[in-house]
Amino acid sequence: MVLTWILGFALLGSVGAIGAAALFLLFPKPVRERLVPFLVSYATGTLLGAALLGLLPEAIEQGGLRPSLGTVLGGLMAFFVLERLLIWRHCHAEGPCEVHGATGYLILAGDALHNFVDGAVIAAAFMSSVPLGIATGLAVIAHELPQEVGDFAILLDSGFTRMRALKWNLLSGSTTIPGALLAYVGLQQLPQFNATILALSAASFLYIGLADLIPGLHRRIGAETGLGQLFLILAGVGTILMLRMHQN
């Protein structure tokens, strides 16, 4: 039963998000540019909520306070290094990306790694509890949709046709499945590492939310825009909080 949940959310977080992003591209560009920041705001709230209200408390409960916080710190440093290597940060806007430029295959390589990690995150969360897995899976899906919209736009700007961009995005997104399966099998054999995976997952979500998504939101000025962003961030946090309360 747990494996069914894991594979279901792994598919939704990869193939499902890519399919939704592909349909999203059918909207006129001005509409996409207006809607994506709202998606990013909600994704920010779900990522931060899942990290601080779900993954990290569960890691501390299973592995202890100091080891879990040390793992989070180490994870943040590791993701910083990965970003410096240009294979971790993702784009959530149309047009050329100041980080990736027009290197479409680099985007795909980063996506493959990121989606593999997402699969492991989903598996570790569900193996702790189904409500935690649902909350974590929702955070992954919420983040993947605007990310894939931005990545599609960059691939098209790099010279990919729509069908070629869809094919390669599906290929890179499919790494979520082996990531989930390997984590599921590995954690069954070595359950003592589940707390470490949960803490690293929390570090991943925190890094994406704080180093990637929030700086992009700050570039959009205006009191009305800021209030809308805050409302959707709180909505994302509230979604995770409700799922967490259901677990308890």
C-alpha atoms as a PDB file:
ATOM      1  CA  MET A   1       0.000   0.000   0.000  1.00  0.00           C
ATOM      2  CA  VAL A   2       2.793   2.438   0.898  1.00  0.00           C
ATOM      3  CA  LEU A   3       4.573   1.654  -2.371  1.00  0.00           C
ATOM      4  CA  THR A   4       1.378   2.527  -4.268  1.00  0.00           C
ATOM      5  CA  TRP A   5       1.270   5.927  -2.560  1.00  0.00           C
ATOM      6  CA  ILE A   6       4.954   6.481  -3.315  1.00  0.00           C
ATOM      7  CA  LEU A   7       4.697   5.616  -7.003  1.00  0.00           C
ATOM      8  CA  GLY A   8       1.466   7.591  -7.388  1.00  0.00           C
ATOM      9  CA  PHE A   9       2.941  10.812  -6.032  1.00  0.00           C
ATOM     10  CA  ALA A  10       6.235  10.215  -7.842  1.00  0.00           C
ATOM     11  CA  LEU A  11       4.297  10.086 -11.121  1.00  0.00           C
ATOM     12  CA  LEU A  12       2.235  13.153 -10.230  1.00  0.00           C
ATOM     13  CA  GLY A  13       5.376  15.062  -9.267  1.00  0.00           C
ATOM     14  CA  SER A  14       7.152  14.245 -12.527  1.00  0.00           C
ATOM     15  CA  VAL A  15       5.048  13.211 -15.513  1.00  0.00           C
ATOM     16  CA  GLY A  16       1.932  14.904 -14.118  1.00  0.00           C
ATOM     17  CA  ALA A  17       3.686  18.225 -13.537  1.00  0.00           C
ATOM     18  CA  ILE A  18       5.350  18.092 -16.963  1.00  0.00           C
ATOM     19  CA  GLY A  19       2.038  17.379 -18.681  1.00  0.00           C
ATOM     20  CA  ALA A  20       0.346  20.232 -16.810  1.00  0.00           C
ATOM     21  CA  ALA A  21       3.227  22.563 -17.712  1.00  0.00           C
ATOM     22  CA  ALA A  22       2.951  21.580 -21.377  1.00  0.00           C
ATOM     23  CA  LEU A  23      -0.764  22.433 -21.335  1.00  0.00           C
ATOM     24  CA  PHE A  24       0.050  25.668 -19.512  1.00  0.00           C
ATOM     25  CA  LEU A  25       2.198  26.698 -22.489  1.00  0.00           C
ATOM     26  CA  LEU A  26      -0.951  26.794 -24.610  1.00  0.00           C
ATOM     27  CA  PHE A  27      -1.974  29.916 -22.693  1.00  0.00           C
ATOM     28  CA  PRO A  28      -0.943  33.270 -24.207  1.00  0.00           C
ATOM     29  CA  LYS A  29       2.450  34.399 -22.946  1.00  0.00           C
ATOM     30  CA  PRO A  30       1.084  37.445 -21.024  1.00  0.00           C
ATOM     31  CA  VAL A  31      -1.291  35.127 -19.145  1.00  0.00           C
ATOM     32  CA  ARG A  32       1.535  32.717 -18.294  1.00  0.00           C
ATOM     33  CA  GLU A  33       3.757  35.540 -17.091  1.00  0.00           C
ATOM     34  CA  ARG A  34       0.979  36.736 -14.815  1.00  0.00           C
ATOM     35  CA  LEU A  35       0.031  33.342 -13.394  1.00  0.00           C
ATOM     36  CA  VAL A  36       3.456  31.743 -12.815  1.00  0.00           C
ATOM     37  CA  PRO A  37       4.434  34.077  -9.924  1.00  0.00           C
ATOM     38  CA  PHE A  38       1.244  33.059  -8.109  1.00  0.00           C
ATOM     39  CA  LEU A  39       2.135  29.391  -8.586  1.00  0.00           C
ATOM     40  CA  VAL A  40       5.648  30.114  -7.308  1.00  0.00           C
ATOM     41  CA  SER A  41       4.273  31.880  -4.229  1.00  0.00           C
ATOM     42  CA  TYR A  42       2.085  28.910  -3.324  1.00  0.00           C
ATOM     43  CA  ALA A  43       4.981  26.535  -4.001  1.00  0.00           C
ATOM     44  CA  THR A  44       7.180  28.563  -1.651  1.00  0.00           C
ATOM     45  CA  GLY A  45       4.699  28.157   1.170  1.00  0.00           C
ATOM     46  CA  THR A  46       4.310  24.419   0.636  1.00  0.00           C
ATOM     47  CA  LEU A  47       8.084  23.861   0.504  1.00  0.00           C
ATOM     48  CA  LEU A  48       8.790  25.857   3.673  1.00  0.00           C
ATOM     49  CA  GLY A  49       5.801  24.353   5.458  1.00  0.00           C
ATOM     50  CA  ALA A  50       6.726  20.794   4.509  1.00  0.00           C
ATOM     51  CA  ALA A  51      10.335  21.357   5.583  1.00  0.00           C
ATOM     52  CA  LEU A  52       9.697  23.034   8.937  1.00  0.00           C
ATOM     53  CA  LEU A  53       6.349  21.522   9.973  1.00  0.00           C
ATOM     54  CA  GLY A  54       6.740  18.022   8.579  1.00  0.00           C
ATOM     55  CA  LEU A  55      10.116  16.721   7.457  1.00  0.00           C
ATOM     56  CA  LEU A  56      12.386  18.323  10.053  1.00  0.00           C
ATOM     57  CA  PRO A  57      10.221  17.508  13.111  1.00  0.00           C
ATOM     58  CA  GLU A  58       9.949  13.903  11.923  1.00  0.00           C
ATOM     59  CA  ALA A  59      13.729  13.712  11.367  1.00  0.00           C
ATOM     60  CA  ILE A  60      14.365  15.061  14.870  1.00  0.00           C
ATOM     61  CA  GLU A  61      11.892  12.593  16.374  1.00  0.00           C
ATOM     62  CA  GLN A  62      13.584   9.666  14.633  1.00  0.00           C
ATOM     63  CA  GLY A  63      17.227  10.733  14.724  1.00  0.00           C
ATOM     64  CA  GLY A  64      17.632  13.319  17.472  1.00  0.00           C
ATOM     65  CA  LEU A  65      17.987  17.088  17.490  1.00  0.00           C
ATOM     66  CA  ARG A  66      21.732  17.642  16.985  1.00  0.00           C
ATOM     67  CA  PRO A  67      22.273  14.987  14.284  1.00  0.00           C
ATOM     68  CA  SER A  68      19.236  16.190  12.351  1.00  0.00           C
ATOM     69  CA  LEU A  69      20.195  19.869  12.478  1.00  0.00           C
ATOM     70  CA  GLY A  70      23.772  18.966  11.555  1.00  0.00           C
ATOM     71  CA  THR A  71      22.484  17.046   8.540  1.00  0.00           C
ATOM     72  CA  VAL A  72      20.331  20.016   7.495  1.00  0.00           C
ATOM     73  CA  LEU A  73      23.356  22.307   7.717  1.00  0.00           C
ATOM     74  CA  GLY A  74      25.478  19.886   5.709  1.00  0.00           C
ATOM     75  CA  GLY A  75      22.689  19.565   3.147  1.00  0.00           C
ATOM     76  CA  LEU A  76      22.434  23.333   2.725  1.00  0.00           C
ATOM     77  CA  MET A  77      26.185  23.517   2.085  1.00  0.00           C
ATOM     78  CA  ALA A  78      25.954  20.651  -0.423  1.00  0.00           C
ATOM     79  CA  PHE A  79      23.121  22.328  -2.326  1.00  0.00           C
ATOM     80  CA  PHE A  80      25.129  25.561  -2.392  1.00  0.00           C
ATOM     81  CA  VAL A  81      27.986  23.683  -4.071  1.00  0.00           C
ATOM     82  CA  LEU A  82      25.586  22.056  -6.542  1.00  0.00           C
ATOM     83  CA  GLU A  83      24.168  25.450  -7.422  1.00  0.00           C
ATOM     84  CA  ARG A  84      27.663  26.820  -7.999  1.00  0.00           C
ATOM     85  CA  LEU A  85      28.099  23.948 -10.451  1.00  0.00           C
ATOM     86  CA  LEU A  86      24.882  25.170 -12.174  1.00  0.00           C
ATOM     87  CA  ILE A  87      23.012  21.896 -11.788  1.00  0.00           C
ATOM     88  CA  TRP A  88      20.609  22.607  -8.945  1.00  0.00           C
ATOM     89  CA  ARG A  89      18.852  25.932  -9.423  1.00  0.00           C
ATOM     90  CA  HIS A  90      15.788  25.919 -11.657  1.00  0.00           C
ATOM     91  CA  CYS A  91      14.126  28.701 -13.564  1.00  0.00           C
ATOM     92  CA  HIS A  92      10.571  29.901 -13.034  1.00  0.00           C
ATOM     93  CA  ALA A  93      10.334  32.635 -15.661  1.00  0.00           C
ATOM     94  CA  GLU A  94      10.112  32.899 -19.416  1.00  0.00           C
ATOM     95  CA  GLY A  95      13.024  33.995 -21.563  1.00  0.00           C
ATOM     96  CA  PRO A  96      16.787  33.765 -21.054  1.00  0.00           C
ATOM     97  CA  CYS A  97      17.934  32.748 -17.581  1.00  0.00           C
ATOM     98  CA  GLU A  98      20.797  34.675 -15.992  1.00  0.00           C
ATOM     99  CA  VAL A  99      21.995  31.466 -14.306  1.00  0.00           C
ATOM    100  CA  HIS A 100      21.658  28.898 -17.063  1.00  0.00           C
ATOM    101  CA  GLY A 101      21.845  31.048 -20.179  1.00  0.00           C
ATOM    102  CA  ALA A 102      20.533  29.039 -23.094  1.00  0.00           C
ATOM    103  CA  THR A 103      22.134  25.686 -22.232  1.00  0.00           C
ATOM    104  CA  GLY A 104      19.107  23.434 -22.657  1.00  0.00           C
ATOM    105  CA  TYR A 105      20.926  20.166 -21.968  1.00  0.00           C
ATOM    106  CA  LEU A 106      22.308  21.546 -18.704  1.00  0.00           C
ATOM    107  CA  ILE A 107      18.720  22.284 -17.659  1.00  0.00           C
ATOM    108  CA  LEU A 108      17.799  18.678 -18.425  1.00  0.00           C
ATOM    109  CA  ALA A 109      20.769  17.285 -16.477  1.00  0.00           C
ATOM    110  CA  GLY A 110      19.850  19.394 -13.459  1.00  0.00           C
ATOM    111  CA  ASP A 111      16.221  18.317 -13.739  1.00  0.00           C
ATOM    112  CA  ALA A 112      17.196  14.641 -13.849  1.00  0.00           C
ATOM    113  CA  LEU A 113      19.236  14.969 -10.648  1.00  0.00           C
ATOM    114  CA  HIS A 114      16.595  17.070  -8.929  1.00  0.00           C
ATOM    115  CA  ASN A 115      13.768  14.709  -9.850  1.00  0.00           C
ATOM    116  CA  PHE A 116      15.766  11.696  -8.649  1.00  0.00           C
ATOM    117  CA  VAL A 117      16.181  13.420  -5.270  1.00  0.00           C
ATOM    118  CA  ASP A 118      12.465  14.307  -5.233  1.00  0.00           C
ATOM    119  CA  GLY A 119      11.638  10.620  -5.671  1.00  0.00           C
ATOM    120  CA  ALA A 120      13.806   9.689  -2.696  1.00  0.00           C
ATOM    121  CA  VAL A 121      12.212  12.497  -0.657  1.00  0.00           C
ATOM    122  CA  ILE A 122       8.702  11.247  -1.417  1.00  0.00           C
ATOM    123  CA  ALA A 123       9.618   7.662  -0.545  1.00  0.00           C
ATOM    124  CA  ALA A 124      11.257   8.573   2.771  1.00  0.00           C
ATOM    125  CA  ALA A 125       8.289  10.734   3.767  1.00  0.00           C
ATOM    126  CA  PHE A 126       5.688   8.055   3.009  1.00  0.00           C
ATOM    127  CA  MET A 127       7.732   5.441   4.855  1.00  0.00           C
ATOM    128  CA  SER A 128       7.428   7.641   7.945  1.00  0.00           C
ATOM    129  CA  SER A 129       3.682   8.225   7.595  1.00  0.00           C
ATOM    130  CA  VAL A 130       1.100   8.601   4.832  1.00  0.00           C
ATOM    131  CA  PRO A 131       0.028  12.149   5.857  1.00  0.00           C
ATOM    132  CA  LEU A 132       3.676  13.295   5.876  1.00  0.00           C
ATOM    133  CA  GLY A 133       4.123  11.682   2.467  1.00  0.00           C
ATOM    134  CA  ILE A 134       1.054  13.447   1.077  1.00  0.00           C
ATOM    135  CA  ALA A 135       2.242  16.800   2.421  1.00  0.00           C
ATOM    136  CA  THR A 136       5.715  16.248   0.981  1.00  0.00           C
ATOM    137  CA  GLY A 137       4.359  15.023  -2.350  1.00  0.00           C
ATOM    138  CA  LEU A 138       2.095  18.069  -2.594  1.00  0.00           C
ATOM    139  CA  ALA A 139       5.081  20.354  -1.986  1.00  0.00           C
ATOM    140  CA  VAL A 140       7.009  18.590  -4.759  1.00  0.00           C
ATOM    141  CA  ILE A 141       4.091  18.901  -7.210  1.00  0.00           C
ATOM    142  CA  ALA A 142       3.484  22.563  -6.329  1.00  0.00           C
ATOM    143  CA  HIS A 143       7.138  23.370  -7.007  1.00  0.00           C
ATOM    144  CA  GLU A 144       7.511  21.239 -10.121  1.00  0.00           C
ATOM    145  CA  LEU A 145       4.699  22.903 -12.086  1.00  0.00           C
ATOM    146  CA  PRO A 146       6.129  26.457 -12.285  1.00  0.00           C
ATOM    147  CA  GLN A 147       9.637  24.998 -12.600  1.00  0.00           C
ATOM    148  CA  GLU A 148       8.667  22.948 -15.631  1.00  0.00           C
ATOM    149  CA  VAL A 149       6.920  25.935 -17.221  1.00  0.00           C
ATOM    150  CA  GLY A 150      10.152  27.917 -16.924  1.00  0.00           C
ATOM    151  CA  ASP A 151      12.279  25.016 -18.128  1.00  0.00           C
ATOM    152  CA  PHE A 152      10.034  24.455 -21.154  1.00  0.00           C
ATOM    153  CA  ALA A 153      10.401  28.115 -22.078  1.00  0.00           C
ATOM    154  CA  ILE A 154      14.203  27.927 -21.812  1.00  0.00           C
ATOM    155  CA  LEU A 155      14.374  24.750 -23.918  1.00  0.00           C
ATOM    156  CA  LEU A 156      12.259  26.397 -26.600  1.00  0.00           C
ATOM    157  CA  ASP A 157      14.497  29.462 -26.436  1.00  0.00           C
ATOM    158  CA  SER A 158      17.498  27.108 -26.855  1.00  0.00           C
ATOM    159  CA  GLY A 159      16.137  25.873 -30.186  1.00  0.00           C
ATOM    160  CA  PHE A 160      14.139  22.815 -29.095  1.00  0.00           C
ATOM    161  CA  THR A 161      10.852  22.162 -30.883  1.00  0.00           C
ATOM    162  CA  ARG A 162       7.777  21.754 -28.666  1.00  0.00           C
ATOM    163  CA  MET A 163       7.683  17.975 -29.178  1.00  0.00           C
ATOM    164  CA  ARG A 164      11.425  17.621 -28.586  1.00  0.00           C
ATOM    165  CA  ALA A 165      11.231  19.737 -25.421  1.00  0.00           C
ATOM    166  CA  LEU A 166       8.315  17.602 -24.185  1.00  0.00           C
ATOM    167  CA  LYS A 167      10.157  14.341 -24.941  1.00  0.00           C
ATOM    168  CA  TRP A 168      13.352  15.360 -23.176  1.00  0.00           C
ATOM    169  CA  ASN A 169      11.474  16.850 -20.223  1.00  0.00           C
ATOM    170  CA  LEU A 170       9.569  13.591 -19.802  1.00  0.00           C
ATOM    171  CA  LEU A 171      12.850  11.683 -19.930  1.00  0.00           C
ATOM    172  CA  SER A 172      14.504  13.853 -17.283  1.00  0.00           C
ATOM    173  CA  GLY A 173      11.334  13.803 -15.170  1.00  0.00           C
ATOM    174  CA  SER A 174      11.180  10.008 -15.222  1.00  0.00           C
ATOM    175  CA  THR A 175      14.172   9.810 -12.851  1.00  0.00           C
ATOM    176  CA  THR A 176      11.710  10.441 -10.006  1.00  0.00           C
ATOM    177  CA  ILE A 177      10.569   6.814 -10.290  1.00  0.00           C
ATOM    178  CA  PRO A 178      13.985   5.111  -9.826  1.00  0.00           C
ATOM    179  CA  GLY A 179      14.777   7.615  -7.061  1.00  0.00           C
ATOM    180  CA  ALA A 180      11.600   6.614  -5.234  1.00  0.00           C
ATOM    181  CA  LEU A 181      12.112   2.887  -5.789  1.00  0.00           C
ATOM    182  CA  LEU A 182      15.757   2.890  -4.728  1.00  0.00           C
ATOM    183  CA  ALA A 183      14.943   4.848  -1.575  1.00  0.00           C
ATOM    184  CA  TYR A 184      12.033   2.520  -0.790  1.00  0.00           C
ATOM    185  CA  VAL A 185      14.157  -0.615  -1.147  1.00  0.00           C
ATOM    186  CA  GLY A 186      17.184   0.906   0.576  1.00  0.00           C
ATOM    187  CA  LEU A 187      15.258   2.246   3.557  1.00  0.00           C
ATOM    188  CA  GLN A 188      13.561  -1.119   4.056  1.00  0.00           C
ATOM    189  CA  GLN A 189      17.010  -2.650   4.442  1.00  0.00           C
ATOM    190  CA  LEU A 190      18.530   0.259   6.373  1.00  0.00           C
ATOM    191  CA  PRO A 191      15.656   2.047   8.164  1.00  0.00           C
ATOM    192  CA  GLN A 192      18.098   3.830  10.459  1.00  0.00           C
ATOM    193  CA  PHE A 193      18.955   6.151   7.562  1.00  0.00           C
ATOM    194  CA  ASN A 194      15.380   7.385   7.179  1.00  0.00           C
ATOM    195  CA  ALA A 195      15.976  10.264   9.617  1.00  0.00           C
ATOM    196  CA  THR A 196      19.026  11.346   7.595  1.00  0.00           C
ATOM    197  CA  ILE A 197      17.045  11.325   4.331  1.00  0.00           C
ATOM    198  CA  LEU A 198      14.244  13.333   5.954  1.00  0.00           C
ATOM    199  CA  ALA A 199      16.727  15.930   7.247  1.00  0.00           C
ATOM    200  CA  LEU A 200      18.392  16.197   3.816  1.00  0.00           C
ATOM    201  CA  SER A 201      14.928  16.537   2.294  1.00  0.00           C
ATOM    202  CA  ALA A 202      14.166  19.409   4.658  1.00  0.00           C
ATOM    203  CA  ALA A 203      17.460  21.051   3.638  1.00  0.00           C
ATOM    204  CA  SER A 204      16.538  20.654  -0.039  1.00  0.00           C
ATOM    205  CA  PHE A 205      13.124  22.259   0.431  1.00  0.00           C
ATOM    206  CA  LEU A 206      14.548  25.094   2.546  1.00  0.00           C
ATOM    207  CA  TYR A 207      17.281  25.832   0.029  1.00  0.00           C
ATOM    208  CA  ILE A 208      14.892  25.885  -2.920  1.00  0.00           C
ATOM    209  CA  GLY A 209      12.396  28.068  -1.099  1.00  0.00           C
ATOM    210  CA  LEU A 210      14.841  30.550   0.437  1.00  0.00           C
ATOM    211  CA  ALA A 211      17.647  30.724  -2.148  1.00  0.00           C
ATOM    212  CA  ASP A 212      15.655  30.208  -5.329  1.00  0.00           C
ATOM    213  CA  LEU A 213      11.978  31.090  -5.067  1.00  0.00           C
ATOM    214  CA  ILE A 214      11.807  33.978  -2.585  1.00  0.00           C
ATOM    215  CA  PRO A 215      14.516  36.109  -4.298  1.00  0.00           C
ATOM    216  CA  GLY A 216      12.541  35.807  -7.531  1.00  0.00           C
ATOM    217  CA  LEU A 217       9.370  36.946  -5.792  1.00  0.00           C
ATOM    218  CA  HIS A 218      11.182  39.977  -4.358  1.00  0.00           C
ATOM    219  CA  ARG A 219      12.018  41.148  -7.875  1.00  0.00           C
ATOM    220  CA  ARG A 220       8.324  41.848  -8.425  1.00  0.00           C
ATOM    221  CA  ILE A 221       7.568  45.186  -6.815  1.00  0.00           C
ATOM    222  CA  GLY A 222       4.337  46.771  -5.683  1.00  0.00           C
ATOM    223  CA  ALA A 223       2.287  46.583  -2.478  1.00  0.00           C
ATOM    224  CA  GLU A 224      -0.573  44.721  -4.170  1.00  0.00           C
ATOM    225  CA  THR A 225       1.822  42.146  -5.625  1.00  0.00           C
ATOM    226  CA  GLY A 226       3.505  41.676  -2.259  1.00  0.00           C
ATOM    227  CA  LEU A 227       0.194  41.122  -0.468  1.00  0.00           C
ATOM    228  CA  GLY A 228      -0.870  38.580  -3.073  1.00  0.00           C
ATOM    229  CA  GLN A 229       2.434  36.743  -2.714  1.00  0.00           C
ATOM    230  CA  LEU A 230       2.156  36.730   1.085  1.00  0.00           C
ATOM    231  CA  PHE A 231      -1.407  35.404   0.940  1.00  0.00           C
ATOM    232  CA  LEU A 232      -0.424  32.526  -1.348  1.00  0.00           C
ATOM    233  CA  ILE A 233       2.706  31.697   0.679  1.00  0.00           C
ATOM    234  CA  LEU A 234       0.514  31.504   3.787  1.00  0.00           C
ATOM    235  CA  ALA A 235      -1.991  29.397   1.846  1.00  0.00           C
ATOM    236  CA  GLY A 236       0.801  26.973   0.990  1.00  0.00           C
ATOM    237  CA  VAL A 237       1.929  26.821   4.628  1.00  0.00           C
ATOM    238  CA  GLY A 238      -1.690  26.402   5.734  1.00  0.00           C
ATOM    239  CA  THR A 239      -2.168  23.463   3.376  1.00  0.00           C
ATOM    240  CA  ILE A 240       0.795  21.648   4.916  1.00  0.00           C
ATOM    241  CA  LEU A 241      -0.328  22.595   8.442  1.00  0.00           C
ATOM    242  CA  MET A 242      -3.769  21.091   7.868  1.00  0.00           C
ATOM    243  CA  LEU A 243      -2.231  17.848   6.604  1.00  0.00           C
ATOM    244  CA  ARG A 244       0.146  17.793   9.573  1.00  0.00           C
ATOM    245  CA  MET A 245      -2.724  18.322  12.026  1.00  0.00           C
ATOM    246  CA  HIS A 246      -4.563  15.418  10.397  1.00  0.00           C
ATOM    247  CA  GLN A 247      -1.508  13.240  11.046  1.00  0.00           C
ATOM    248  CA  ASN A 248      -1.660  14.086  14.718  1.00  0.00           C
END
